[in-house]
Structure formats: structure tokens, C-alpha cells
Amino acid sequence: MSGFMIDSGATLMCPHGGSVNIVASNANVTAGAPVAVQTDTMIISGCPFAPGGVASPCIQVQWVVADTRISVGGVPTLSQGSTGLCLAATGAPQGAVIVASTQTRTQSV
């Protein structure tokens, strides 16, 4: 994938406007914050999704496409071109995660 790398200071959202909190599992830093990798825990809060009046908020992100050329400790890093799915508590996919902003110093090619 390509684009600026995602770190723990990036702004990510679910397709319904919930905020994603990145819990980085490593100490490798880019632009002052730990780099996000495919296996990091990403918790979503504040998702208002309730189809038909039944609450079904997004609660986590599962990354299905990560960087192919850069890794940290053998785990692929994440960048703007990576693809993550927001999941409900049932594991049902709710849509793609939105990468609203990243650091602008380090790019993946």
C-alpha cells in the first residue's frame, strides 16, 4: 500500500462517525508517535449506528490489507492505502475505516 504511515496520533473514524483509538503495540516511532501495525488493537467509541432502531455500533477495526514492504518486528505497518473493516460486537462488518488524517513526514511506497 502507499501513502503516509499511520501512527498512534492519526485520526481514524468508522463510517458512522465513531472515533478510533489506536493502542500501539510497539515503541518504534515516526513523527513523534508509535507506528501502527496490522495487529494493533483499535477500539471504536461513539458509533451511533442503529439500523431499524436496533443499536449495532462499530467497536473495533480489523485490518485486511496492510503495507507489503514495511514491517515492524515482522508485522506489516499501516498507511493511508491500507484497508480496515469496522466490526460490530457480533463480528459483522459495518464498512471501511476512514483515515481522516495522518502524520505527514513518513511515507510508505
PDB file of N, CA and C in Angstrom:
ATOM      1  N   MET A   1       0.851  -1.163   0.000  1.00  0.00           N
ATOM      2  CA  MET A   1       0.000   0.000   0.000  1.00  0.00           C
ATOM      3  C   MET A   1       0.896   1.225   0.000  1.00  0.00           C
ATOM      4  N   SER A   2       0.287   2.367  -0.092  1.00  0.00           N
ATOM      5  CA  SER A   2       1.102   3.566  -0.122  1.00  0.00           C
ATOM      6  C   SER A   2       0.397   4.710   0.582  1.00  0.00           C
ATOM      7  N   GLY A   3       1.141   5.756   0.777  1.00  0.00           N
ATOM      8  CA  GLY A   3       0.629   6.938   1.450  1.00  0.00           C
ATOM      9  C   GLY A   3       1.367   7.156   2.749  1.00  0.00           C
ATOM     10  N   PHE A   4       0.985   8.192   3.465  1.00  0.00           N
ATOM     11  CA  PHE A   4       1.619   8.480   4.737  1.00  0.00           C
ATOM     12  C   PHE A   4       1.295   7.382   5.738  1.00  0.00           C
ATOM     13  N   MET A   5       2.287   7.043   6.556  1.00  0.00           N
ATOM     14  CA  MET A   5       2.105   5.972   7.540  1.00  0.00           C
ATOM     15  C   MET A   5       1.173   6.418   8.663  1.00  0.00           C
ATOM     16  N   ILE A   6       0.404   5.469   9.168  1.00  0.00           N
ATOM     17  CA  ILE A   6      -0.494   5.715  10.291  1.00  0.00           C
ATOM     18  C   ILE A   6       0.289   5.486  11.578  1.00  0.00           C
ATOM     19  N   ASP A   7       0.173   6.428  12.501  1.00  0.00           N
ATOM     20  CA  ASP A   7       0.772   6.257  13.823  1.00  0.00           C
ATOM     21  C   ASP A   7      -0.324   6.462  14.863  1.00  0.00           C
ATOM     22  N   SER A   8       0.041   6.357  16.123  1.00  0.00           N
ATOM     23  CA  SER A   8      -0.985   6.437  17.176  1.00  0.00           C
ATOM     24  C   SER A   8      -1.621   7.815  17.292  1.00  0.00           C
ATOM     25  N   GLY A   9      -1.066   8.803  16.609  1.00  0.00           N
ATOM     26  CA  GLY A   9      -1.650  10.144  16.619  1.00  0.00           C
ATOM     27  C   GLY A   9      -2.584  10.403  15.448  1.00  0.00           C
ATOM     28  N   ALA A  10      -2.780   9.425  14.575  1.00  0.00           N
ATOM     29  CA  ALA A  10      -3.646   9.591  13.409  1.00  0.00           C
ATOM     30  C   ALA A  10      -5.108   9.693  13.832  1.00  0.00           C
ATOM     31  N   THR A  11      -5.906  10.301  12.974  1.00  0.00           N
ATOM     32  CA  THR A  11      -7.340  10.393  13.216  1.00  0.00           C
ATOM     33  C   THR A  11      -8.044   9.421  12.283  1.00  0.00           C
ATOM     34  N   LEU A  12      -8.702   8.429  12.886  1.00  0.00           N
ATOM     35  CA  LEU A  12      -9.454   7.421  12.137  1.00  0.00           C
ATOM     36  C   LEU A  12     -10.885   7.422  12.656  1.00  0.00           C
ATOM     37  N   MET A  13     -11.830   7.101  11.751  1.00  0.00           N
ATOM     38  CA  MET A  13     -13.237   7.058  12.136  1.00  0.00           C
ATOM     39  C   MET A  13     -13.927   5.867  11.483  1.00  0.00           C
ATOM     40  N   CYS A  14     -15.002   5.409  12.105  1.00  0.00           N
ATOM     41  CA  CYS A  14     -15.853   4.414  11.461  1.00  0.00           C
ATOM     42  C   CYS A  14     -16.725   5.158  10.458  1.00  0.00           C
ATOM     43  N   PRO A  15     -17.400   4.461   9.550  1.00  0.00           N
ATOM     44  CA  PRO A  15     -18.217   5.153   8.549  1.00  0.00           C
ATOM     45  C   PRO A  15     -19.417   5.912   9.119  1.00  0.00           C
ATOM     46  N   HIS A  16     -19.686   5.725  10.413  1.00  0.00           N
ATOM     47  CA  HIS A  16     -20.828   6.386  11.056  1.00  0.00           C
ATOM     48  C   HIS A  16     -20.395   7.541  11.947  1.00  0.00           C
ATOM     49  N   GLY A  17     -19.080   7.824  11.975  1.00  0.00           N
ATOM     50  CA  GLY A  17     -18.570   8.955  12.741  1.00  0.00           C
ATOM     51  C   GLY A  17     -17.976   8.614  14.088  1.00  0.00           C
ATOM     52  N   GLY A  18     -17.890   7.333  14.445  1.00  0.00           N
ATOM     53  CA  GLY A  18     -17.255   6.937  15.707  1.00  0.00           C
ATOM     54  C   GLY A  18     -15.746   7.152  15.644  1.00  0.00           C
ATOM     55  N   SER A  19     -15.134   7.408  16.773  1.00  0.00           N
ATOM     56  CA  SER A  19     -13.688   7.650  16.852  1.00  0.00           C
ATOM     57  C   SER A  19     -12.934   6.356  17.111  1.00  0.00           C
ATOM     58  N   VAL A  20     -11.790   6.209  16.430  1.00  0.00           N
ATOM     59  CA  VAL A  20     -10.946   5.027  16.602  1.00  0.00           C
ATOM     60  C   VAL A  20      -9.770   5.391  17.493  1.00  0.00           C
ATOM     61  N   ASN A  21      -9.562   4.604  18.547  1.00  0.00           N
ATOM     62  CA  ASN A  21      -8.416   4.773  19.437  1.00  0.00           C
ATOM     63  C   ASN A  21      -7.408   3.679  19.109  1.00  0.00           C
ATOM     64  N   ILE A  22      -6.206   4.091  18.702  1.00  0.00           N
ATOM     65  CA  ILE A  22      -5.142   3.148  18.330  1.00  0.00           C
ATOM     66  C   ILE A  22      -4.306   2.833  19.566  1.00  0.00           C
ATOM     67  N   VAL A  23      -4.221   1.561  19.915  1.00  0.00           N
ATOM     68  CA  VAL A  23      -3.384   1.116  21.022  1.00  0.00           C
ATOM     69  C   VAL A  23      -2.153   0.453  20.398  1.00  0.00           C
ATOM     70  N   ALA A  24      -1.093   1.245  20.231  1.00  0.00           N
ATOM     71  CA  ALA A  24       0.115   0.761  19.562  1.00  0.00           C
ATOM     72  C   ALA A  24       0.829  -0.276  20.423  1.00  0.00           C
ATOM     73  N   SER A  25       1.308  -1.329  19.768  1.00  0.00           N
ATOM     74  CA  SER A  25       1.948  -2.433  20.483  1.00  0.00           C
ATOM     75  C   SER A  25       3.470  -2.395  20.400  1.00  0.00           C
ATOM     76  N   ASN A  26       4.019  -1.340  19.821  1.00  0.00           N
ATOM     77  CA  ASN A  26       5.474  -1.269  19.677  1.00  0.00           C
ATOM     78  C   ASN A  26       5.962   0.120  20.045  1.00  0.00           C
ATOM     79  N   ALA A  27       7.262   0.256  20.154  1.00  0.00           N
ATOM     80  CA  ALA A  27       7.853   1.535  20.544  1.00  0.00           C
ATOM     81  C   ALA A  27       8.539   2.240  19.381  1.00  0.00           C
ATOM     82  N   ASN A  28       8.446   1.681  18.168  1.00  0.00           N
ATOM     83  CA  ASN A  28       9.042   2.332  17.007  1.00  0.00           C
ATOM     84  C   ASN A  28       8.232   3.574  16.668  1.00  0.00           C
ATOM     85  N   VAL A  29       8.935   4.698  16.545  1.00  0.00           N
ATOM     86  CA  VAL A  29       8.275   5.985  16.423  1.00  0.00           C
ATOM     87  C   VAL A  29       8.522   6.608  15.054  1.00  0.00           C
ATOM     88  N   THR A  30       7.479   7.227  14.514  1.00  0.00           N
ATOM     89  CA  THR A  30       7.598   8.074  13.331  1.00  0.00           C
ATOM     90  C   THR A  30       6.900   9.386  13.646  1.00  0.00           C
ATOM     91  N   ALA A  31       7.555  10.486  13.371  1.00  0.00           N
ATOM     92  CA  ALA A  31       6.978  11.819  13.602  1.00  0.00           C
ATOM     93  C   ALA A  31       6.489  11.988  15.042  1.00  0.00           C
ATOM     94  N   GLY A  32       7.147  11.326  15.996  1.00  0.00           N
ATOM     95  CA  GLY A  32       6.849  11.528  17.407  1.00  0.00           C
ATOM     96  C   GLY A  32       5.838  10.602  18.049  1.00  0.00           C
ATOM     97  N   ALA A  33       5.262   9.670  17.302  1.00  0.00           N
ATOM     98  CA  ALA A  33       4.264   8.751  17.865  1.00  0.00           C
ATOM     99  C   ALA A  33       4.534   7.331  17.373  1.00  0.00           C
ATOM    100  N   PRO A  34       4.148   6.307  18.149  1.00  0.00           N
ATOM    101  CA  PRO A  34       4.372   4.924  17.728  1.00  0.00           C
ATOM    102  C   PRO A  34       3.663   4.595  16.410  1.00  0.00           C
ATOM    103  N   VAL A  35       4.349   3.853  15.559  1.00  0.00           N
ATOM    104  CA  VAL A  35       3.815   3.415  14.268  1.00  0.00           C
ATOM    105  C   VAL A  35       2.727   2.373  14.502  1.00  0.00           C
ATOM    106  N   ALA A  36       1.644   2.446  13.734  1.00  0.00           N
ATOM    107  CA  ALA A  36       0.564   1.462  13.825  1.00  0.00           C
ATOM    108  C   ALA A  36       0.893   0.263  12.939  1.00  0.00           C
ATOM    109  N   VAL A  37       0.648  -0.932  13.466  1.00  0.00           N
ATOM    110  CA  VAL A  37       0.860  -2.162  12.703  1.00  0.00           C
ATOM    111  C   VAL A  37      -0.471  -2.922  12.601  1.00  0.00           C
ATOM    112  N   GLN A  38      -0.500  -3.886  11.689  1.00  0.00           N
ATOM    113  CA  GLN A  38      -1.730  -4.603  11.368  1.00  0.00           C
ATOM    114  C   GLN A  38      -2.385  -5.282  12.569  1.00  0.00           C
ATOM    115  N   THR A  39      -1.605  -5.712  13.542  1.00  0.00           N
ATOM    116  CA  THR A  39      -2.162  -6.442  14.686  1.00  0.00           C
ATOM    117  C   THR A  39      -2.482  -5.563  15.896  1.00  0.00           C
ATOM    118  N   ASP A  40      -2.276  -4.253  15.783  1.00  0.00           N
ATOM    119  CA  ASP A  40      -2.600  -3.370  16.907  1.00  0.00           C
ATOM    120  C   ASP A  40      -4.090  -3.409  17.225  1.00  0.00           C
ATOM    121  N   THR A  41      -4.416  -3.208  18.480  1.00  0.00           N
ATOM    122  CA  THR A  41      -5.802  -3.110  18.911  1.00  0.00           C
ATOM    123  C   THR A  41      -6.320  -1.724  18.566  1.00  0.00           C
ATOM    124  N   MET A  42      -7.472  -1.682  17.908  1.00  0.00           N
ATOM    125  CA  MET A  42      -8.090  -0.404  17.550  1.00  0.00           C
ATOM    126  C   MET A  42      -9.549  -0.450  17.978  1.00  0.00           C
ATOM    127  N   ILE A  43      -9.848   0.350  19.002  1.00  0.00           N
ATOM    128  CA  ILE A  43     -11.166   0.355  19.622  1.00  0.00           C
ATOM    129  C   ILE A  43     -11.955   1.568  19.140  1.00  0.00           C
ATOM    130  N   ILE A  44     -13.213   1.333  18.770  1.00  0.00           N
ATOM    131  CA  ILE A  44     -14.081   2.408  18.281  1.00  0.00           C
ATOM    132  C   ILE A  44     -15.053   2.802  19.391  1.00  0.00           C
ATOM    133  N   SER A  45     -15.182   4.107  19.596  1.00  0.00           N
ATOM    134  CA  SER A  45     -16.160   4.604  20.573  1.00  0.00           C
ATOM    135  C   SER A  45     -17.038   5.670  19.918  1.00  0.00           C
ATOM    136  N   GLY A  46     -18.237   5.783  20.409  1.00  0.00           N
ATOM    137  CA  GLY A  46     -19.147   6.821  19.934  1.00  0.00           C
ATOM    138  C   GLY A  46     -19.820   6.547  18.606  1.00  0.00           C
ATOM    139  N   CYS A  47     -19.859   5.302  18.174  1.00  0.00           N
ATOM    140  CA  CYS A  47     -20.546   4.960  16.919  1.00  0.00           C
ATOM    141  C   CYS A  47     -22.052   4.938  17.174  1.00  0.00           C
ATOM    142  N   PRO A  48     -22.814   5.740  16.417  1.00  0.00           N
ATOM    143  CA  PRO A  48     -24.261   5.807  16.636  1.00  0.00           C
ATOM    144  C   PRO A  48     -25.083   4.833  15.789  1.00  0.00           C
ATOM    145  N   PHE A  49     -24.428   3.916  15.067  1.00  0.00           N
ATOM    146  CA  PHE A  49     -25.143   3.073  14.105  1.00  0.00           C
ATOM    147  C   PHE A  49     -26.233   2.249  14.779  1.00  0.00           C
ATOM    148  N   ALA A  50     -27.467   2.417  14.307  1.00  0.00           N
ATOM    149  CA  ALA A  50     -28.621   1.695  14.854  1.00  0.00           C
ATOM    150  C   ALA A  50     -29.632   1.462  13.739  1.00  0.00           C
ATOM    151  N   PRO A  51     -29.352   0.503  12.838  1.00  0.00           N
ATOM    152  CA  PRO A  51     -30.289   0.257  11.743  1.00  0.00           C
ATOM    153  C   PRO A  51     -31.629  -0.273  12.264  1.00  0.00           C
ATOM    154  N   GLY A  52     -32.708   0.337  11.806  1.00  0.00           N
ATOM    155  CA  GLY A  52     -34.037  -0.087  12.252  1.00  0.00           C
ATOM    156  C   GLY A  52     -34.284   0.157  13.728  1.00  0.00           C
ATOM    157  N   GLY A  53     -33.499   1.045  14.332  1.00  0.00           N
ATOM    158  CA  GLY A  53     -33.650   1.351  15.748  1.00  0.00           C
ATOM    159  C   GLY A  53     -32.953   0.387  16.688  1.00  0.00           C
ATOM    160  N   VAL A  54     -32.233  -0.593  16.130  1.00  0.00           N
ATOM    161  CA  VAL A  54     -31.506  -1.568  16.950  1.00  0.00           C
ATOM    162  C   VAL A  54     -30.028  -1.170  16.996  1.00  0.00           C
ATOM    163  N   ALA A  55     -29.528  -0.906  18.184  1.00  0.00           N
ATOM    164  CA  ALA A  55     -28.131  -0.496  18.324  1.00  0.00           C
ATOM    165  C   ALA A  55     -27.188  -1.588  17.831  1.00  0.00           C
ATOM    166  N   SER A  56     -26.279  -1.198  16.935  1.00  0.00           N
ATOM    167  CA  SER A  56     -25.274  -2.113  16.403  1.00  0.00           C
ATOM    168  C   SER A  56     -24.009  -1.319  16.109  1.00  0.00           C
ATOM    169  N   PRO A  57     -23.429  -0.696  17.147  1.00  0.00           N
ATOM    170  CA  PRO A  57     -22.285   0.180  16.912  1.00  0.00           C
ATOM    171  C   PRO A  57     -21.023  -0.576  16.505  1.00  0.00           C
ATOM    172  N   CYS A  58     -20.188   0.124  15.753  1.00  0.00           N
ATOM    173  CA  CYS A  58     -18.856  -0.397  15.447  1.00  0.00           C
ATOM    174  C   CYS A  58     -18.055  -0.376  16.747  1.00  0.00           C
ATOM    175  N   ILE A  59     -17.273  -1.445  17.006  1.00  0.00           N
ATOM    176  CA  ILE A  59     -16.489  -1.479  18.242  1.00  0.00           C
ATOM    177  C   ILE A  59     -15.003  -1.702  18.020  1.00  0.00           C
ATOM    178  N   GLN A  60     -14.612  -2.227  16.835  1.00  0.00           N
ATOM    179  CA  GLN A  60     -13.192  -2.473  16.594  1.00  0.00           C
ATOM    180  C   GLN A  60     -12.895  -2.449  15.103  1.00  0.00           C
ATOM    181  N   VAL A  61     -11.591  -2.353  14.791  1.00  0.00           N
ATOM    182  CA  VAL A  61     -11.141  -2.362  13.404  1.00  0.00           C
ATOM    183  C   VAL A  61     -10.304  -3.610  13.167  1.00  0.00           C
ATOM    184  N   GLN A  62     -10.561  -4.276  12.053  1.00  0.00           N
ATOM    185  CA  GLN A  62      -9.743  -5.407  11.621  1.00  0.00           C
ATOM    186  C   GLN A  62      -9.119  -5.008  10.291  1.00  0.00           C
ATOM    187  N   TRP A  63      -7.793  -5.004  10.231  1.00  0.00           N
ATOM    188  CA  TRP A  63      -7.087  -4.603   9.018  1.00  0.00           C
ATOM    189  C   TRP A  63      -6.923  -5.810   8.108  1.00  0.00           C
ATOM    190  N   VAL A  64      -7.406  -5.684   6.878  1.00  0.00           N
ATOM    191  CA  VAL A  64      -7.348  -6.787   5.920  1.00  0.00           C
ATOM    192  C   VAL A  64      -6.268  -6.582   4.858  1.00  0.00           C
ATOM    193  N   VAL A  65      -5.853  -5.337   4.633  1.00  0.00           N
ATOM    194  CA  VAL A  65      -4.764  -5.043   3.707  1.00  0.00           C
ATOM    195  C   VAL A  65      -3.827  -4.060   4.397  1.00  0.00           C
ATOM    196  N   ALA A  66      -2.575  -4.466   4.555  1.00  0.00           N
ATOM    197  CA  ALA A  66      -1.564  -3.631   5.205  1.00  0.00           C
ATOM    198  C   ALA A  66      -0.414  -3.382   4.226  1.00  0.00           C
ATOM    199  N   ASP A  67       0.584  -2.647   4.682  1.00  0.00           N
ATOM    200  CA  ASP A  67       1.752  -2.389   3.840  1.00  0.00           C
ATOM    201  C   ASP A  67       2.469  -3.698   3.540  1.00  0.00           C
ATOM    202  N   THR A  68       2.992  -3.825   2.345  1.00  0.00           N
ATOM    203  CA  THR A  68       3.669  -5.058   1.955  1.00  0.00           C
ATOM    204  C   THR A  68       5.182  -4.940   2.018  1.00  0.00           C
ATOM    205  N   ARG A  69       5.703  -3.725   2.058  1.00  0.00           N
ATOM    206  CA  ARG A  69       7.152  -3.564   2.004  1.00  0.00           C
ATOM    207  C   ARG A  69       7.781  -3.101   3.318  1.00  0.00           C
ATOM    208  N   ILE A  70       6.966  -2.690   4.267  1.00  0.00           N
ATOM    209  CA  ILE A  70       7.494  -2.190   5.536  1.00  0.00           C
ATOM    210  C   ILE A  70       6.840  -2.958   6.679  1.00  0.00           C
ATOM    211  N   SER A  71       7.661  -3.372   7.633  1.00  0.00           N
ATOM    212  CA  SER A  71       7.124  -4.053   8.810  1.00  0.00           C
ATOM    213  C   SER A  71       7.913  -3.632  10.040  1.00  0.00           C
ATOM    214  N   VAL A  72       7.305  -3.858  11.195  1.00  0.00           N
ATOM    215  CA  VAL A  72       7.954  -3.606  12.481  1.00  0.00           C
ATOM    216  C   VAL A  72       7.870  -4.910  13.250  1.00  0.00           C
ATOM    217  N   GLY A  73       9.009  -5.484  13.560  1.00  0.00           N
ATOM    218  CA  GLY A  73       9.019  -6.761  14.269  1.00  0.00           C
ATOM    219  C   GLY A  73       8.353  -7.871  13.472  1.00  0.00           C
ATOM    220  N   GLY A  74       8.401  -7.781  12.148  1.00  0.00           N
ATOM    221  CA  GLY A  74       7.800  -8.792  11.294  1.00  0.00           C
ATOM    222  C   GLY A  74       6.314  -8.607  11.040  1.00  0.00           C
ATOM    223  N   VAL A  75       5.717  -7.550  11.584  1.00  0.00           N
ATOM    224  CA  VAL A  75       4.291  -7.280  11.396  1.00  0.00           C
ATOM    225  C   VAL A  75       4.146  -6.086  10.454  1.00  0.00           C
ATOM    226  N   PRO A  76       3.339  -6.214   9.391  1.00  0.00           N
ATOM    227  CA  PRO A  76       3.172  -5.110   8.437  1.00  0.00           C
ATOM    228  C   PRO A  76       2.652  -3.835   9.096  1.00  0.00           C
ATOM    229  N   THR A  77       3.197  -2.691   8.640  1.00  0.00           N
ATOM    230  CA  THR A  77       2.725  -1.394   9.117  1.00  0.00           C
ATOM    231  C   THR A  77       1.459  -1.001   8.363  1.00  0.00           C
ATOM    232  N   LEU A  78       0.847   0.108   8.799  1.00  0.00           N
ATOM    233  CA  LEU A  78      -0.369   0.617   8.165  1.00  0.00           C
ATOM    234  C   LEU A  78      -0.104   2.002   7.585  1.00  0.00           C
ATOM    235  N   SER A  79      -0.741   2.285   6.462  1.00  0.00           N
ATOM    236  CA  SER A  79      -0.636   3.596   5.832  1.00  0.00           C
ATOM    237  C   SER A  79      -1.997   3.996   5.285  1.00  0.00           C
ATOM    238  N   GLN A  80      -2.060   5.172   4.669  1.00  0.00           N
ATOM    239  CA  GLN A  80      -3.321   5.663   4.121  1.00  0.00           C
ATOM    240  C   GLN A  80      -3.939   4.696   3.114  1.00  0.00           C
ATOM    241  N   GLY A  81      -3.139   3.914   2.433  1.00  0.00           N
ATOM    242  CA  GLY A  81      -3.638   2.976   1.442  1.00  0.00           C
ATOM    243  C   GLY A  81      -4.079   1.638   2.005  1.00  0.00           C
ATOM    244  N   SER A  82      -3.908   1.437   3.308  1.00  0.00           N
ATOM    245  CA  SER A  82      -4.323   0.178   3.944  1.00  0.00           C
ATOM    246  C   SER A  82      -5.848   0.114   4.026  1.00  0.00           C
ATOM    247  N   THR A  83      -6.381  -1.100   4.125  1.00  0.00           N
ATOM    248  CA  THR A  83      -7.828  -1.289   4.207  1.00  0.00           C
ATOM    249  C   THR A  83      -8.203  -1.953   5.525  1.00  0.00           C
ATOM    250  N   GLY A  84      -9.063  -1.289   6.280  1.00  0.00           N
ATOM    251  CA  GLY A  84      -9.536  -1.842   7.543  1.00  0.00           C
ATOM    252  C   GLY A  84     -11.051  -1.882   7.558  1.00  0.00           C
ATOM    253  N   LEU A  85     -11.600  -2.921   8.163  1.00  0.00           N
ATOM    254  CA  LEU A  85     -13.061  -3.052   8.300  1.00  0.00           C
ATOM    255  C   LEU A  85     -13.466  -2.763   9.737  1.00  0.00           C
ATOM    256  N   CYS A  86     -14.513  -1.962   9.877  1.00  0.00           N
ATOM    257  CA  CYS A  86     -15.080  -1.709  11.194  1.00  0.00           C
ATOM    258  C   CYS A  86     -16.066  -2.838  11.483  1.00  0.00           C
ATOM    259  N   LEU A  87     -15.977  -3.383  12.693  1.00  0.00           N
ATOM    260  CA  LEU A  87     -16.802  -4.527  13.060  1.00  0.00           C
ATOM    261  C   LEU A  87     -17.708  -4.208  14.241  1.00  0.00           C
ATOM    262  N   ALA A  88     -18.902  -4.809  14.218  1.00  0.00           N
ATOM    263  CA  ALA A  88     -19.832  -4.726  15.348  1.00  0.00           C
ATOM    264  C   ALA A  88     -19.418  -5.774  16.383  1.00  0.00           C
ATOM    265  N   ALA A  89     -20.063  -5.776  17.530  1.00  0.00           N
ATOM    266  CA  ALA A  89     -19.769  -6.754  18.580  1.00  0.00           C
ATOM    267  C   ALA A  89     -20.015  -8.178  18.102  1.00  0.00           C
ATOM    268  N   THR A  90     -20.905  -8.349  17.149  1.00  0.00           N
ATOM    269  CA  THR A  90     -21.203  -9.675  16.602  1.00  0.00           C
ATOM    270  C   THR A  90     -20.152 -10.140  15.597  1.00  0.00           C
ATOM    271  N   GLY A  91     -19.235  -9.241  15.226  1.00  0.00           N
ATOM    272  CA  GLY A  91     -18.222  -9.554  14.219  1.00  0.00           C
ATOM    273  C   GLY A  91     -18.655  -9.189  12.816  1.00  0.00           C
ATOM    274  N   ALA A  92     -19.874  -8.660  12.686  1.00  0.00           N
ATOM    275  CA  ALA A  92     -20.386  -8.275  11.369  1.00  0.00           C
ATOM    276  C   ALA A  92     -19.662  -7.037  10.859  1.00  0.00           C
ATOM    277  N   PRO A  93     -19.190  -7.058   9.600  1.00  0.00           N
ATOM    278  CA  PRO A  93     -18.547  -5.868   9.036  1.00  0.00           C
ATOM    279  C   PRO A  93     -19.560  -4.742   8.849  1.00  0.00           C
ATOM    280  N   GLN A  94     -19.143  -3.526   9.210  1.00  0.00           N
ATOM    281  CA  GLN A  94     -20.027  -2.356   9.153  1.00  0.00           C
ATOM    282  C   GLN A  94     -19.581  -1.339   8.109  1.00  0.00           C
ATOM    283  N   GLY A  95     -18.438  -1.575   7.468  1.00  0.00           N
ATOM    284  CA  GLY A  95     -17.915  -0.641   6.477  1.00  0.00           C
ATOM    285  C   GLY A  95     -16.437  -0.394   6.709  1.00  0.00           C
ATOM    286  N   ALA A  96     -15.830   0.312   5.783  1.00  0.00           N
ATOM    287  CA  ALA A  96     -14.388   0.585   5.842  1.00  0.00           C
ATOM    288  C   ALA A  96     -14.071   1.715   6.810  1.00  0.00           C
ATOM    289  N   VAL A  97     -12.931   1.577   7.475  1.00  0.00           N
ATOM    290  CA  VAL A  97     -12.455   2.635   8.354  1.00  0.00           C
ATOM    291  C   VAL A  97     -12.052   3.830   7.486  1.00  0.00           C
ATOM    292  N   ILE A  98     -12.232   5.030   8.015  1.00  0.00           N
ATOM    293  CA  ILE A  98     -11.868   6.262   7.320  1.00  0.00           C
ATOM    294  C   ILE A  98     -10.596   6.810   7.955  1.00  0.00           C
ATOM    295  N   VAL A  99      -9.562   6.991   7.143  1.00  0.00           N
ATOM    296  CA  VAL A  99      -8.318   7.597   7.618  1.00  0.00           C
ATOM    297  C   VAL A  99      -8.432   9.090   7.346  1.00  0.00           C
ATOM    298  N   ALA A 100      -8.798   9.858   8.378  1.00  0.00           N
ATOM    299  CA  ALA A 100      -9.058  11.288   8.221  1.00  0.00           C
ATOM    300  C   ALA A 100      -7.773  12.108   8.196  1.00  0.00           C
ATOM    301  N   SER A 101      -6.787  11.722   9.008  1.00  0.00           N
ATOM    302  CA  SER A 101      -5.508  12.438   8.995  1.00  0.00           C
ATOM    303  C   SER A 101      -4.404  11.538   9.534  1.00  0.00           C
ATOM    304  N   THR A 102      -3.197  11.797   9.056  1.00  0.00           N
ATOM    305  CA  THR A 102      -2.010  11.074   9.486  1.00  0.00           C
ATOM    306  C   THR A 102      -0.880  12.066   9.684  1.00  0.00           C
ATOM    307  N   GLN A 103       0.234  11.574  10.171  1.00  0.00           N
ATOM    308  CA  GLN A 103       1.437  12.402  10.174  1.00  0.00           C
ATOM    309  C   GLN A 103       1.841  12.608   8.712  1.00  0.00           C
ATOM    310  N   THR A 104       2.631  13.614   8.420  1.00  0.00           N
ATOM    311  CA  THR A 104       2.978  13.909   7.025  1.00  0.00           C
ATOM    312  C   THR A 104       4.490  13.908   6.770  1.00  0.00           C
ATOM    313  N   ARG A 105       5.216  13.117   7.547  1.00  0.00           N
ATOM    314  CA  ARG A 105       6.664  13.086   7.378  1.00  0.00           C
ATOM    315  C   ARG A 105       7.179  11.779   6.781  1.00  0.00           C
ATOM    316  N   THR A 106       6.504  10.674   7.082  1.00  0.00           N
ATOM    317  CA  THR A 106       6.991   9.361   6.646  1.00  0.00           C
ATOM    318  C   THR A 106       5.962   8.690   5.750  1.00  0.00           C
ATOM    319  N   GLN A 107       6.416   8.282   4.553  1.00  0.00           N
ATOM    320  CA  GLN A 107       5.523   7.629   3.601  1.00  0.00           C
ATOM    321  C   GLN A 107       5.913   6.196   3.369  1.00  0.00           C
ATOM    322  N   SER A 108       4.908   5.394   3.057  1.00  0.00           N
ATOM    323  CA  SER A 108       5.107   4.019   2.618  1.00  0.00           C
ATOM    324  C   SER A 108       4.950   4.034   1.103  1.00  0.00           C
ATOM    325  N   VAL A 109       5.783   3.266   0.418  1.00  0.00           N
ATOM    326  CA  VAL A 109       5.687   3.239  -1.046  1.00  0.00           C
ATOM    327  C   VAL A 109       5.331   1.856  -1.535  1.00  0.00           C
TER     328      VAL A 109
END
